Amino acid sequence: MLGKYLVIFGILLIALGIFLQFFDKIPFLGKLPGDIYIKRGNFNFYFPLTTCLLISAAITIVLYLLTRK
């Protein structure tokens, strides 16, 4: 069972790597409303809160679909 999940995870990583080779940036991620960006002088702080929540929800749905019986 663990081997099956490792193979699926490996295939997903390969697909993600190929996707990122052709598309340098995903256009809508990282600039969503709710992402925190603070710029003061020579200090920049960026925390992609909404992006993290969106990615977490997507991963949760995918894992739910893979593990349901």
N, C-alpha and C. Protein backbone atom coordinates (compact mmCIF):
# COMPACT_ATOMS: atom_id res chain seq x y z
N MET A 1 0.82 -1.19 0.00
CA MET A 1 0.00 0.00 0.00
C MET A 1 0.87 1.26 0.00
N LEU A 2 1.91 1.27 0.82
CA LEU A 2 2.80 2.43 0.87
C LEU A 2 3.52 2.63 -0.46
N GLY A 3 3.88 1.52 -1.10
CA GLY A 3 4.56 1.60 -2.39
C GLY A 3 3.69 2.28 -3.44
N LYS A 4 2.40 1.99 -3.41
CA LYS A 4 1.46 2.60 -4.36
C LYS A 4 1.44 4.11 -4.18
N TYR A 5 1.39 4.57 -2.94
CA TYR A 5 1.36 6.00 -2.66
C TYR A 5 2.67 6.68 -3.04
N LEU A 6 3.78 5.99 -2.84
CA LEU A 6 5.07 6.56 -3.22
C LEU A 6 5.20 6.69 -4.73
N VAL A 7 4.68 5.72 -5.46
CA VAL A 7 4.71 5.80 -6.92
C VAL A 7 3.83 6.95 -7.41
N ILE A 8 2.63 7.08 -6.85
CA ILE A 8 1.73 8.18 -7.22
C ILE A 8 2.37 9.51 -6.89
N PHE A 9 2.97 9.63 -5.71
CA PHE A 9 3.63 10.86 -5.31
C PHE A 9 4.79 11.19 -6.25
N GLY A 10 5.55 10.18 -6.64
CA GLY A 10 6.66 10.39 -7.57
C GLY A 10 6.18 10.86 -8.93
N ILE A 11 5.11 10.27 -9.42
CA ILE A 11 4.56 10.69 -10.71
C ILE A 11 4.06 12.13 -10.63
N LEU A 12 3.40 12.48 -9.53
CA LEU A 12 2.94 13.86 -9.36
C LEU A 12 4.11 14.84 -9.30
N LEU A 13 5.19 14.46 -8.64
CA LEU A 13 6.37 15.33 -8.58
C LEU A 13 7.00 15.52 -9.96
N ILE A 14 7.06 14.44 -10.73
CA ILE A 14 7.61 14.54 -12.08
C ILE A 14 6.73 15.44 -12.94
N ALA A 15 5.41 15.27 -12.84
CA ALA A 15 4.48 16.10 -13.61
C ALA A 15 4.62 17.56 -13.20
N LEU A 16 4.74 17.82 -11.91
CA LEU A 16 4.92 19.20 -11.43
C LEU A 16 6.23 19.78 -11.93
N GLY A 17 7.29 19.00 -11.93
CA GLY A 17 8.58 19.46 -12.43
C GLY A 17 8.54 19.81 -13.91
N ILE A 18 7.88 18.97 -14.68
CA ILE A 18 7.74 19.25 -16.12
C ILE A 18 6.90 20.51 -16.34
N PHE A 19 5.82 20.65 -15.58
CA PHE A 19 4.97 21.82 -15.69
C PHE A 19 5.75 23.09 -15.36
N LEU A 20 6.56 23.05 -14.32
CA LEU A 20 7.32 24.23 -13.92
C LEU A 20 8.45 24.55 -14.89
N GLN A 21 8.92 23.58 -15.65
CA GLN A 21 9.94 23.85 -16.66
C GLN A 21 9.39 24.71 -17.79
N PHE A 22 8.14 24.46 -18.15
CA PHE A 22 7.54 25.18 -19.26
C PHE A 22 6.86 26.48 -18.84
N PHE A 23 6.34 26.52 -17.63
CA PHE A 23 5.67 27.71 -17.13
C PHE A 23 6.44 28.19 -15.91
N ASP A 24 7.18 29.28 -16.08
CA ASP A 24 8.06 29.78 -15.03
C ASP A 24 7.31 30.13 -13.76
N LYS A 25 6.17 30.79 -13.90
CA LYS A 25 5.37 31.15 -12.75
C LYS A 25 3.92 30.80 -13.03
N ILE A 26 3.21 30.41 -12.00
CA ILE A 26 1.77 30.21 -12.13
C ILE A 26 1.15 31.59 -11.96
N PRO A 27 0.42 32.09 -12.95
CA PRO A 27 0.05 33.51 -12.98
C PRO A 27 -0.78 34.02 -11.81
N PHE A 28 -1.71 33.23 -11.31
CA PHE A 28 -2.59 33.77 -10.27
C PHE A 28 -2.11 33.49 -8.86
N LEU A 29 -1.19 32.58 -8.67
CA LEU A 29 -0.71 32.27 -7.32
C LEU A 29 0.33 33.28 -6.87
N GLY A 30 0.24 33.69 -5.63
CA GLY A 30 1.21 34.61 -5.07
C GLY A 30 0.76 36.05 -5.05
N LYS A 31 -0.31 36.35 -5.75
CA LYS A 31 -0.82 37.72 -5.77
C LYS A 31 -2.32 37.73 -5.53
N LEU A 32 -2.77 36.85 -4.67
CA LEU A 32 -4.19 36.76 -4.37
C LEU A 32 -4.57 37.75 -3.27
N PRO A 33 -5.82 38.18 -3.23
CA PRO A 33 -6.26 39.01 -2.11
C PRO A 33 -6.11 38.21 -0.82
N GLY A 34 -5.56 38.80 0.18
CA GLY A 34 -5.32 38.11 1.44
C GLY A 34 -3.87 37.71 1.65
N ASP A 35 -3.07 37.75 0.60
CA ASP A 35 -1.63 37.54 0.76
C ASP A 35 -1.03 38.79 1.39
N ILE A 36 -0.18 38.57 2.37
CA ILE A 36 0.37 39.69 3.13
C ILE A 36 1.70 40.12 2.52
N TYR A 37 1.80 41.39 2.18
CA TYR A 37 3.04 41.94 1.63
C TYR A 37 3.30 43.28 2.30
N ILE A 38 4.43 43.37 3.01
CA ILE A 38 4.80 44.60 3.70
C ILE A 38 6.13 45.07 3.14
N LYS A 39 6.18 46.32 2.70
CA LYS A 39 7.41 46.89 2.16
C LYS A 39 7.68 48.20 2.88
N ARG A 40 8.78 48.25 3.60
CA ARG A 40 9.19 49.46 4.33
C ARG A 40 10.68 49.65 4.14
N GLY A 41 11.03 50.68 3.44
CA GLY A 41 12.45 50.97 3.21
C GLY A 41 13.13 49.83 2.48
N ASN A 42 14.17 49.29 3.11
CA ASN A 42 14.88 48.18 2.49
C ASN A 42 14.43 46.82 3.04
N PHE A 43 13.28 46.78 3.70
CA PHE A 43 12.74 45.56 4.29
C PHE A 43 11.48 45.14 3.54
N ASN A 44 11.47 43.90 3.06
CA ASN A 44 10.30 43.34 2.40
C ASN A 44 9.89 42.08 3.13
N PHE A 45 8.60 41.97 3.44
CA PHE A 45 8.06 40.76 4.07
C PHE A 45 6.87 40.30 3.24
N TYR A 46 6.89 39.04 2.85
CA TYR A 46 5.81 38.50 2.03
C TYR A 46 5.38 37.17 2.63
N PHE A 47 4.10 37.05 2.93
CA PHE A 47 3.53 35.79 3.41
C PHE A 47 2.28 35.50 2.61
N PRO A 48 2.31 34.47 1.76
CA PRO A 48 1.17 34.16 0.90
C PRO A 48 0.09 33.37 1.63
N LEU A 49 -0.63 34.02 2.52
CA LEU A 49 -1.63 33.35 3.36
C LEU A 49 -2.74 32.71 2.53
N THR A 50 -3.36 33.46 1.65
CA THR A 50 -4.45 32.93 0.83
C THR A 50 -3.94 31.84 -0.11
N THR A 51 -2.77 32.02 -0.66
CA THR A 51 -2.19 31.02 -1.54
C THR A 51 -1.96 29.71 -0.78
N CYS A 52 -1.45 29.81 0.45
CA CYS A 52 -1.23 28.61 1.27
C CYS A 52 -2.54 27.89 1.56
N LEU A 53 -3.59 28.66 1.87
CA LEU A 53 -4.89 28.05 2.14
C LEU A 53 -5.46 27.37 0.89
N LEU A 54 -5.30 28.00 -0.25
CA LEU A 54 -5.79 27.42 -1.50
C LEU A 54 -5.06 26.13 -1.84
N ILE A 55 -3.75 26.13 -1.71
CA ILE A 55 -2.96 24.93 -2.00
C ILE A 55 -3.29 23.82 -1.00
N SER A 56 -3.46 24.17 0.27
CA SER A 56 -3.83 23.19 1.29
C SER A 56 -5.18 22.56 0.98
N ALA A 57 -6.15 23.36 0.58
CA ALA A 57 -7.47 22.83 0.24
C ALA A 57 -7.38 21.89 -0.96
N ALA A 58 -6.60 22.27 -1.96
CA ALA A 58 -6.45 21.42 -3.15
C ALA A 58 -5.79 20.09 -2.80
N ILE A 59 -4.76 20.12 -1.99
CA ILE A 59 -4.08 18.88 -1.58
C ILE A 59 -5.01 18.01 -0.75
N THR A 60 -5.80 18.62 0.14
CA THR A 60 -6.75 17.87 0.95
C THR A 60 -7.79 17.17 0.08
N ILE A 61 -8.29 17.86 -0.93
CA ILE A 61 -9.29 17.24 -1.82
C ILE A 61 -8.67 16.09 -2.60
N VAL A 62 -7.48 16.28 -3.12
CA VAL A 62 -6.81 15.21 -3.88
C VAL A 62 -6.56 14.00 -3.00
N LEU A 63 -6.05 14.21 -1.79
CA LEU A 63 -5.79 13.08 -0.90
C LEU A 63 -7.08 12.39 -0.48
N TYR A 64 -8.14 13.16 -0.28
CA TYR A 64 -9.43 12.56 0.06
C TYR A 64 -9.91 11.67 -1.08
N LEU A 65 -9.79 12.14 -2.31
CA LEU A 65 -10.23 11.36 -3.45
C LEU A 65 -9.38 10.10 -3.65
N LEU A 66 -8.10 10.18 -3.31
CA LEU A 66 -7.22 9.02 -3.46
C LEU A 66 -7.43 7.98 -2.38
N THR A 67 -7.85 8.39 -1.19
CA THR A 67 -7.92 7.46 -0.06
C THR A 67 -9.33 6.98 0.25
N ARG A 68 -10.35 7.50 -0.40
CA ARG A 68 -11.70 7.02 -0.10
C ARG A 68 -11.89 5.64 -0.71
N LYS A 69 -12.78 4.89 -0.09
CA LYS A 69 -12.98 3.50 -0.54
C LYS A 69 -14.17 3.36 -1.44
